[in-house]
Amino acid sequence: MKLDGLVKGLRITGVLGISLLAAGAFAGVKNMAVVASIGSKLSDVSLADLTKLCKGVQKVWPDGKSFTLVMKDPESPEMHVVAQKLFGAAPGEAKAIIAKLNESRLTVKIVDNDEDLLRTVEATPGAVGIIDVYSITSSVKVLRIDGKLPFDLGYVLKGN
């Protein structure tokens, strides 16, 4: 009898432990969105063009406005996919790459929180921001990347 109780307890504990591990693994997964001011004429940008802008190969949008990227800490876990896709940076390399880009002009502005990010994108012509989809407000619009929005299958800045 005691053995049966112990086996049941282990099964329940094991299932609970696996459930908690799975929940923890998915808690860090974020869908990031590229946003622009509500008045921007942009609606879709290719990943190739966005990468050229982020790496400083191209400095202006097709309409002639200077490009500025606004983001939170590029080395935070939620930004690893973004840093890898847009800068080709491994974790730990993004800040050095951004510092080099910003030597001649402010290409990437790092802010402390979502409110500052949204405010900066609204106030800066040509700026786009990278933000968690659940922090988006009506003050900005979400840009499609390669024709896809953040919850579309195949969206490039999904998860981490």
C-alpha atoms as a PDB file:
ATOM      1  CA  MET A   1       0.000   0.000   0.000  1.00  0.00           C
ATOM      2  CA  LYS A   2       2.739   2.451   0.911  1.00  0.00           C
ATOM      3  CA  LEU A   3       4.463   1.748  -2.387  1.00  0.00           C
ATOM      4  CA  ASP A   4       1.285   2.534  -4.369  1.00  0.00           C
ATOM      5  CA  GLY A   5       0.971   5.898  -2.606  1.00  0.00           C
ATOM      6  CA  LEU A   6       4.598   6.721  -3.283  1.00  0.00           C
ATOM      7  CA  VAL A   7       4.285   5.845  -6.996  1.00  0.00           C
ATOM      8  CA  LYS A   8       1.137   8.004  -7.329  1.00  0.00           C
ATOM      9  CA  GLY A   9       2.909  10.864  -5.559  1.00  0.00           C
ATOM     10  CA  LEU A  10       5.895  10.603  -7.881  1.00  0.00           C
ATOM     11  CA  ARG A  11       3.653  10.568 -10.953  1.00  0.00           C
ATOM     12  CA  ILE A  12       1.801  13.676  -9.818  1.00  0.00           C
ATOM     13  CA  THR A  13       5.033  15.434  -8.857  1.00  0.00           C
ATOM     14  CA  GLY A  14       6.629  14.462 -12.177  1.00  0.00           C
ATOM     15  CA  VAL A  15       3.668  15.726 -14.202  1.00  0.00           C
ATOM     16  CA  LEU A  16       3.555  18.938 -12.186  1.00  0.00           C
ATOM     17  CA  GLY A  17       7.319  19.431 -12.615  1.00  0.00           C
ATOM     18  CA  ILE A  18       7.144  18.909 -16.374  1.00  0.00           C
ATOM     19  CA  SER A  19       4.185  21.300 -16.598  1.00  0.00           C
ATOM     20  CA  LEU A  20       6.068  23.974 -14.661  1.00  0.00           C
ATOM     21  CA  LEU A  21       9.163  23.543 -16.847  1.00  0.00           C
ATOM     22  CA  ALA A  22       7.077  23.868 -20.004  1.00  0.00           C
ATOM     23  CA  ALA A  23       5.311  26.956 -18.678  1.00  0.00           C
ATOM     24  CA  GLY A  24       8.657  28.521 -17.793  1.00  0.00           C
ATOM     25  CA  ALA A  25      10.084  27.763 -21.208  1.00  0.00           C
ATOM     26  CA  PHE A  26       7.178  29.475 -22.969  1.00  0.00           C
ATOM     27  CA  ALA A  27       7.054  32.433 -20.568  1.00  0.00           C
ATOM     28  CA  GLY A  28      10.208  33.895 -22.160  1.00  0.00           C
ATOM     29  CA  VAL A  29       8.948  33.584 -25.732  1.00  0.00           C
ATOM     30  CA  LYS A  30       7.923  36.984 -27.074  1.00  0.00           C
ATOM     31  CA  ASN A  31       6.519  38.094 -30.362  1.00  0.00           C
ATOM     32  CA  MET A  32       8.226  41.334 -31.258  1.00  0.00           C
ATOM     33  CA  ALA A  33       6.727  43.855 -33.663  1.00  0.00           C
ATOM     34  CA  VAL A  34       8.232  46.603 -35.783  1.00  0.00           C
ATOM     35  CA  VAL A  35       6.217  49.781 -35.256  1.00  0.00           C
ATOM     36  CA  ALA A  36       6.214  53.233 -36.855  1.00  0.00           C
ATOM     37  CA  SER A  37       4.401  56.446 -36.040  1.00  0.00           C
ATOM     38  CA  ILE A  38       0.752  56.414 -36.988  1.00  0.00           C
ATOM     39  CA  GLY A  39       1.405  59.071 -39.657  1.00  0.00           C
ATOM     40  CA  SER A  40       4.153  57.097 -41.389  1.00  0.00           C
ATOM     41  CA  LYS A  41       3.591  56.078 -44.993  1.00  0.00           C
ATOM     42  CA  LEU A  42       5.370  52.781 -44.332  1.00  0.00           C
ATOM     43  CA  SER A  43       3.246  49.658 -44.116  1.00  0.00           C
ATOM     44  CA  ASP A  44       5.518  46.818 -45.244  1.00  0.00           C
ATOM     45  CA  VAL A  45       9.287  46.485 -45.191  1.00  0.00           C
ATOM     46  CA  SER A  46      11.390  43.592 -46.345  1.00  0.00           C
ATOM     47  CA  LEU A  47      13.684  41.925 -43.851  1.00  0.00           C
ATOM     48  CA  ALA A  48      16.556  42.515 -46.299  1.00  0.00           C
ATOM     49  CA  ASP A  49      15.895  46.296 -46.371  1.00  0.00           C
ATOM     50  CA  LEU A  50      15.404  46.499 -42.605  1.00  0.00           C
ATOM     51  CA  THR A  51      18.685  44.627 -42.084  1.00  0.00           C
ATOM     52  CA  LYS A  52      20.529  47.010 -44.449  1.00  0.00           C
ATOM     53  CA  LEU A  53      19.149  49.961 -42.473  1.00  0.00           C
ATOM     54  CA  CYS A  54      20.038  48.409 -39.110  1.00  0.00           C
ATOM     55  CA  LYS A  55      23.580  47.558 -40.224  1.00  0.00           C
ATOM     56  CA  GLY A  56      24.126  51.073 -41.604  1.00  0.00           C
ATOM     57  CA  VAL A  57      24.518  49.911 -45.218  1.00  0.00           C
ATOM     58  CA  GLN A  58      21.500  52.056 -46.113  1.00  0.00           C
ATOM     59  CA  LYS A  59      20.901  55.220 -44.052  1.00  0.00           C
ATOM     60  CA  VAL A  60      17.574  56.554 -45.308  1.00  0.00           C
ATOM     61  CA  TRP A  61      14.134  55.273 -46.194  1.00  0.00           C
ATOM     62  CA  PRO A  62      12.994  55.438 -49.840  1.00  0.00           C
ATOM     63  CA  ASP A  63      11.189  58.727 -49.019  1.00  0.00           C
ATOM     64  CA  GLY A  64      14.502  60.300 -47.918  1.00  0.00           C
ATOM     65  CA  LYS A  65      13.841  60.345 -44.149  1.00  0.00           C
ATOM     66  CA  SER A  66      16.765  59.291 -41.970  1.00  0.00           C
ATOM     67  CA  PHE A  67      16.400  55.849 -40.436  1.00  0.00           C
ATOM     68  CA  THR A  68      16.428  55.489 -36.665  1.00  0.00           C
ATOM     69  CA  LEU A  69      15.807  52.235 -34.797  1.00  0.00           C
ATOM     70  CA  VAL A  70      14.426  52.520 -31.265  1.00  0.00           C
ATOM     71  CA  MET A  71      14.737  49.514 -29.000  1.00  0.00           C
ATOM     72  CA  LYS A  72      15.170  48.395 -25.421  1.00  0.00           C
ATOM     73  CA  ASP A  73      18.312  46.631 -24.195  1.00  0.00           C
ATOM     74  CA  PRO A  74      19.558  44.653 -27.229  1.00  0.00           C
ATOM     75  CA  GLU A  75      21.184  42.048 -24.980  1.00  0.00           C
ATOM     76  CA  SER A  76      18.040  41.240 -22.994  1.00  0.00           C
ATOM     77  CA  PRO A  77      16.649  37.733 -23.615  1.00  0.00           C
ATOM     78  CA  GLU A  78      13.561  39.057 -25.420  1.00  0.00           C
ATOM     79  CA  MET A  79      15.774  40.849 -27.953  1.00  0.00           C
ATOM     80  CA  HIS A  80      18.128  37.952 -28.866  1.00  0.00           C
ATOM     81  CA  VAL A  81      16.159  36.983 -31.996  1.00  0.00           C
ATOM     82  CA  VAL A  82      15.916  40.648 -33.053  1.00  0.00           C
ATOM     83  CA  ALA A  83      19.656  41.254 -32.574  1.00  0.00           C
ATOM     84  CA  GLN A  84      20.514  38.102 -34.497  1.00  0.00           C
ATOM     85  CA  LYS A  85      18.126  38.805 -37.400  1.00  0.00           C
ATOM     86  CA  LEU A  86      18.723  42.558 -37.776  1.00  0.00           C
ATOM     87  CA  PHE A  87      22.378  42.955 -36.802  1.00  0.00           C
ATOM     88  CA  GLY A  88      23.744  39.432 -37.296  1.00  0.00           C
ATOM     89  CA  ALA A  89      24.795  39.612 -33.652  1.00  0.00           C
ATOM     90  CA  ALA A  90      25.285  36.726 -31.292  1.00  0.00           C
ATOM     91  CA  PRO A  91      24.173  37.297 -27.689  1.00  0.00           C
ATOM     92  CA  GLY A  92      26.640  39.673 -26.074  1.00  0.00           C
ATOM     93  CA  GLU A  93      27.758  41.328 -29.346  1.00  0.00           C
ATOM     94  CA  ALA A  94      24.810  43.650 -30.020  1.00  0.00           C
ATOM     95  CA  LYS A  95      25.886  46.599 -27.857  1.00  0.00           C
ATOM     96  CA  ALA A  96      29.338  46.769 -29.485  1.00  0.00           C
ATOM     97  CA  ILE A  97      27.803  46.651 -32.975  1.00  0.00           C
ATOM     98  CA  ILE A  98      25.327  49.399 -32.061  1.00  0.00           C
ATOM     99  CA  ALA A  99      28.074  51.572 -30.530  1.00  0.00           C
ATOM    100  CA  LYS A 100      30.034  51.308 -33.793  1.00  0.00           C
ATOM    101  CA  LEU A 101      26.926  52.215 -35.850  1.00  0.00           C
ATOM    102  CA  ASN A 102      26.244  55.231 -33.640  1.00  0.00           C
ATOM    103  CA  GLU A 103      29.760  56.711 -34.055  1.00  0.00           C
ATOM    104  CA  SER A 104      28.837  58.885 -37.035  1.00  0.00           C
ATOM    105  CA  ARG A 105      25.152  59.501 -36.259  1.00  0.00           C
ATOM    106  CA  LEU A 106      22.503  58.120 -33.935  1.00  0.00           C
ATOM    107  CA  THR A 107      21.186  55.133 -35.878  1.00  0.00           C
ATOM    108  CA  VAL A 108      19.997  53.038 -32.922  1.00  0.00           C
ATOM    109  CA  LYS A 109      18.490  54.635 -29.840  1.00  0.00           C
ATOM    110  CA  ILE A 110      18.234  52.419 -26.764  1.00  0.00           C
ATOM    111  CA  VAL A 111      15.482  53.313 -24.302  1.00  0.00           C
ATOM    112  CA  ASP A 112      14.602  52.016 -20.844  1.00  0.00           C
ATOM    113  CA  ASN A 113      10.933  51.098 -21.242  1.00  0.00           C
ATOM    114  CA  ASP A 114       8.025  50.647 -23.650  1.00  0.00           C
ATOM    115  CA  GLU A 115       6.559  54.092 -22.937  1.00  0.00           C
ATOM    116  CA  ASP A 116       9.834  55.811 -23.908  1.00  0.00           C
ATOM    117  CA  LEU A 117      10.050  53.623 -27.010  1.00  0.00           C
ATOM    118  CA  LEU A 118       6.550  54.554 -28.160  1.00  0.00           C
ATOM    119  CA  ARG A 119       7.100  58.260 -27.387  1.00  0.00           C
ATOM    120  CA  THR A 120      10.410  58.310 -29.290  1.00  0.00           C
ATOM    121  CA  VAL A 121       8.967  56.531 -32.344  1.00  0.00           C
ATOM    122  CA  GLU A 122       6.052  59.006 -32.434  1.00  0.00           C
ATOM    123  CA  ALA A 123       8.340  62.040 -32.136  1.00  0.00           C
ATOM    124  CA  THR A 124      11.156  61.013 -34.498  1.00  0.00           C
ATOM    125  CA  PRO A 125      10.550  61.209 -38.267  1.00  0.00           C
ATOM    126  CA  GLY A 126      11.813  58.020 -39.946  1.00  0.00           C
ATOM    127  CA  ALA A 127      11.984  56.068 -36.690  1.00  0.00           C
ATOM    128  CA  VAL A 128      10.774  52.528 -36.186  1.00  0.00           C
ATOM    129  CA  GLY A 129      10.721  50.639 -32.915  1.00  0.00           C
ATOM    130  CA  ILE A 130      10.954  47.014 -31.875  1.00  0.00           C
ATOM    131  CA  ILE A 131       8.417  46.233 -29.164  1.00  0.00           C
ATOM    132  CA  ASP A 132       6.582  43.302 -27.600  1.00  0.00           C
ATOM    133  CA  VAL A 133       3.227  42.963 -29.374  1.00  0.00           C
ATOM    134  CA  TYR A 134       1.384  43.206 -26.056  1.00  0.00           C
ATOM    135  CA  SER A 135       2.827  46.689 -25.435  1.00  0.00           C
ATOM    136  CA  ILE A 136       1.544  48.239 -28.687  1.00  0.00           C
ATOM    137  CA  THR A 137      -0.815  51.192 -28.346  1.00  0.00           C
ATOM    138  CA  SER A 138      -2.954  53.134 -30.803  1.00  0.00           C
ATOM    139  CA  SER A 139      -0.198  55.773 -31.096  1.00  0.00           C
ATOM    140  CA  VAL A 140       1.781  53.575 -33.509  1.00  0.00           C
ATOM    141  CA  LYS A 141       1.112  51.182 -36.337  1.00  0.00           C
ATOM    142  CA  VAL A 142       2.580  47.740 -36.828  1.00  0.00           C
ATOM    143  CA  LEU A 143       4.630  47.260 -39.983  1.00  0.00           C
ATOM    144  CA  ARG A 144       4.550  44.050 -41.934  1.00  0.00           C
ATOM    145  CA  ILE A 145       7.909  42.361 -42.470  1.00  0.00           C
ATOM    146  CA  ASP A 146       8.032  40.534 -45.784  1.00  0.00           C
ATOM    147  CA  GLY A 147       4.234  40.831 -45.893  1.00  0.00           C
ATOM    148  CA  LYS A 148       3.685  39.205 -42.492  1.00  0.00           C
ATOM    149  CA  LEU A 149       2.398  40.500 -39.167  1.00  0.00           C
ATOM    150  CA  PRO A 150       3.669  39.251 -35.776  1.00  0.00           C
ATOM    151  CA  PHE A 151       1.135  36.437 -35.333  1.00  0.00           C
ATOM    152  CA  ASP A 152       1.372  35.201 -38.940  1.00  0.00           C
ATOM    153  CA  LEU A 153       3.019  31.864 -39.596  1.00  0.00           C
ATOM    154  CA  GLY A 154       6.624  32.449 -40.672  1.00  0.00           C
ATOM    155  CA  TYR A 155       6.984  35.917 -39.114  1.00  0.00           C
ATOM    156  CA  VAL A 156      10.734  36.487 -38.690  1.00  0.00           C
ATOM    157  CA  LEU A 157      10.819  38.149 -35.252  1.00  0.00           C
ATOM    158  CA  LYS A 158       8.742  35.517 -33.501  1.00  0.00           C
ATOM    159  CA  GLY A 159       9.863  33.930 -30.274  1.00  0.00           C
ATOM    160  CA  ASN A 160      13.229  33.582 -28.712  1.00  0.00           C
END
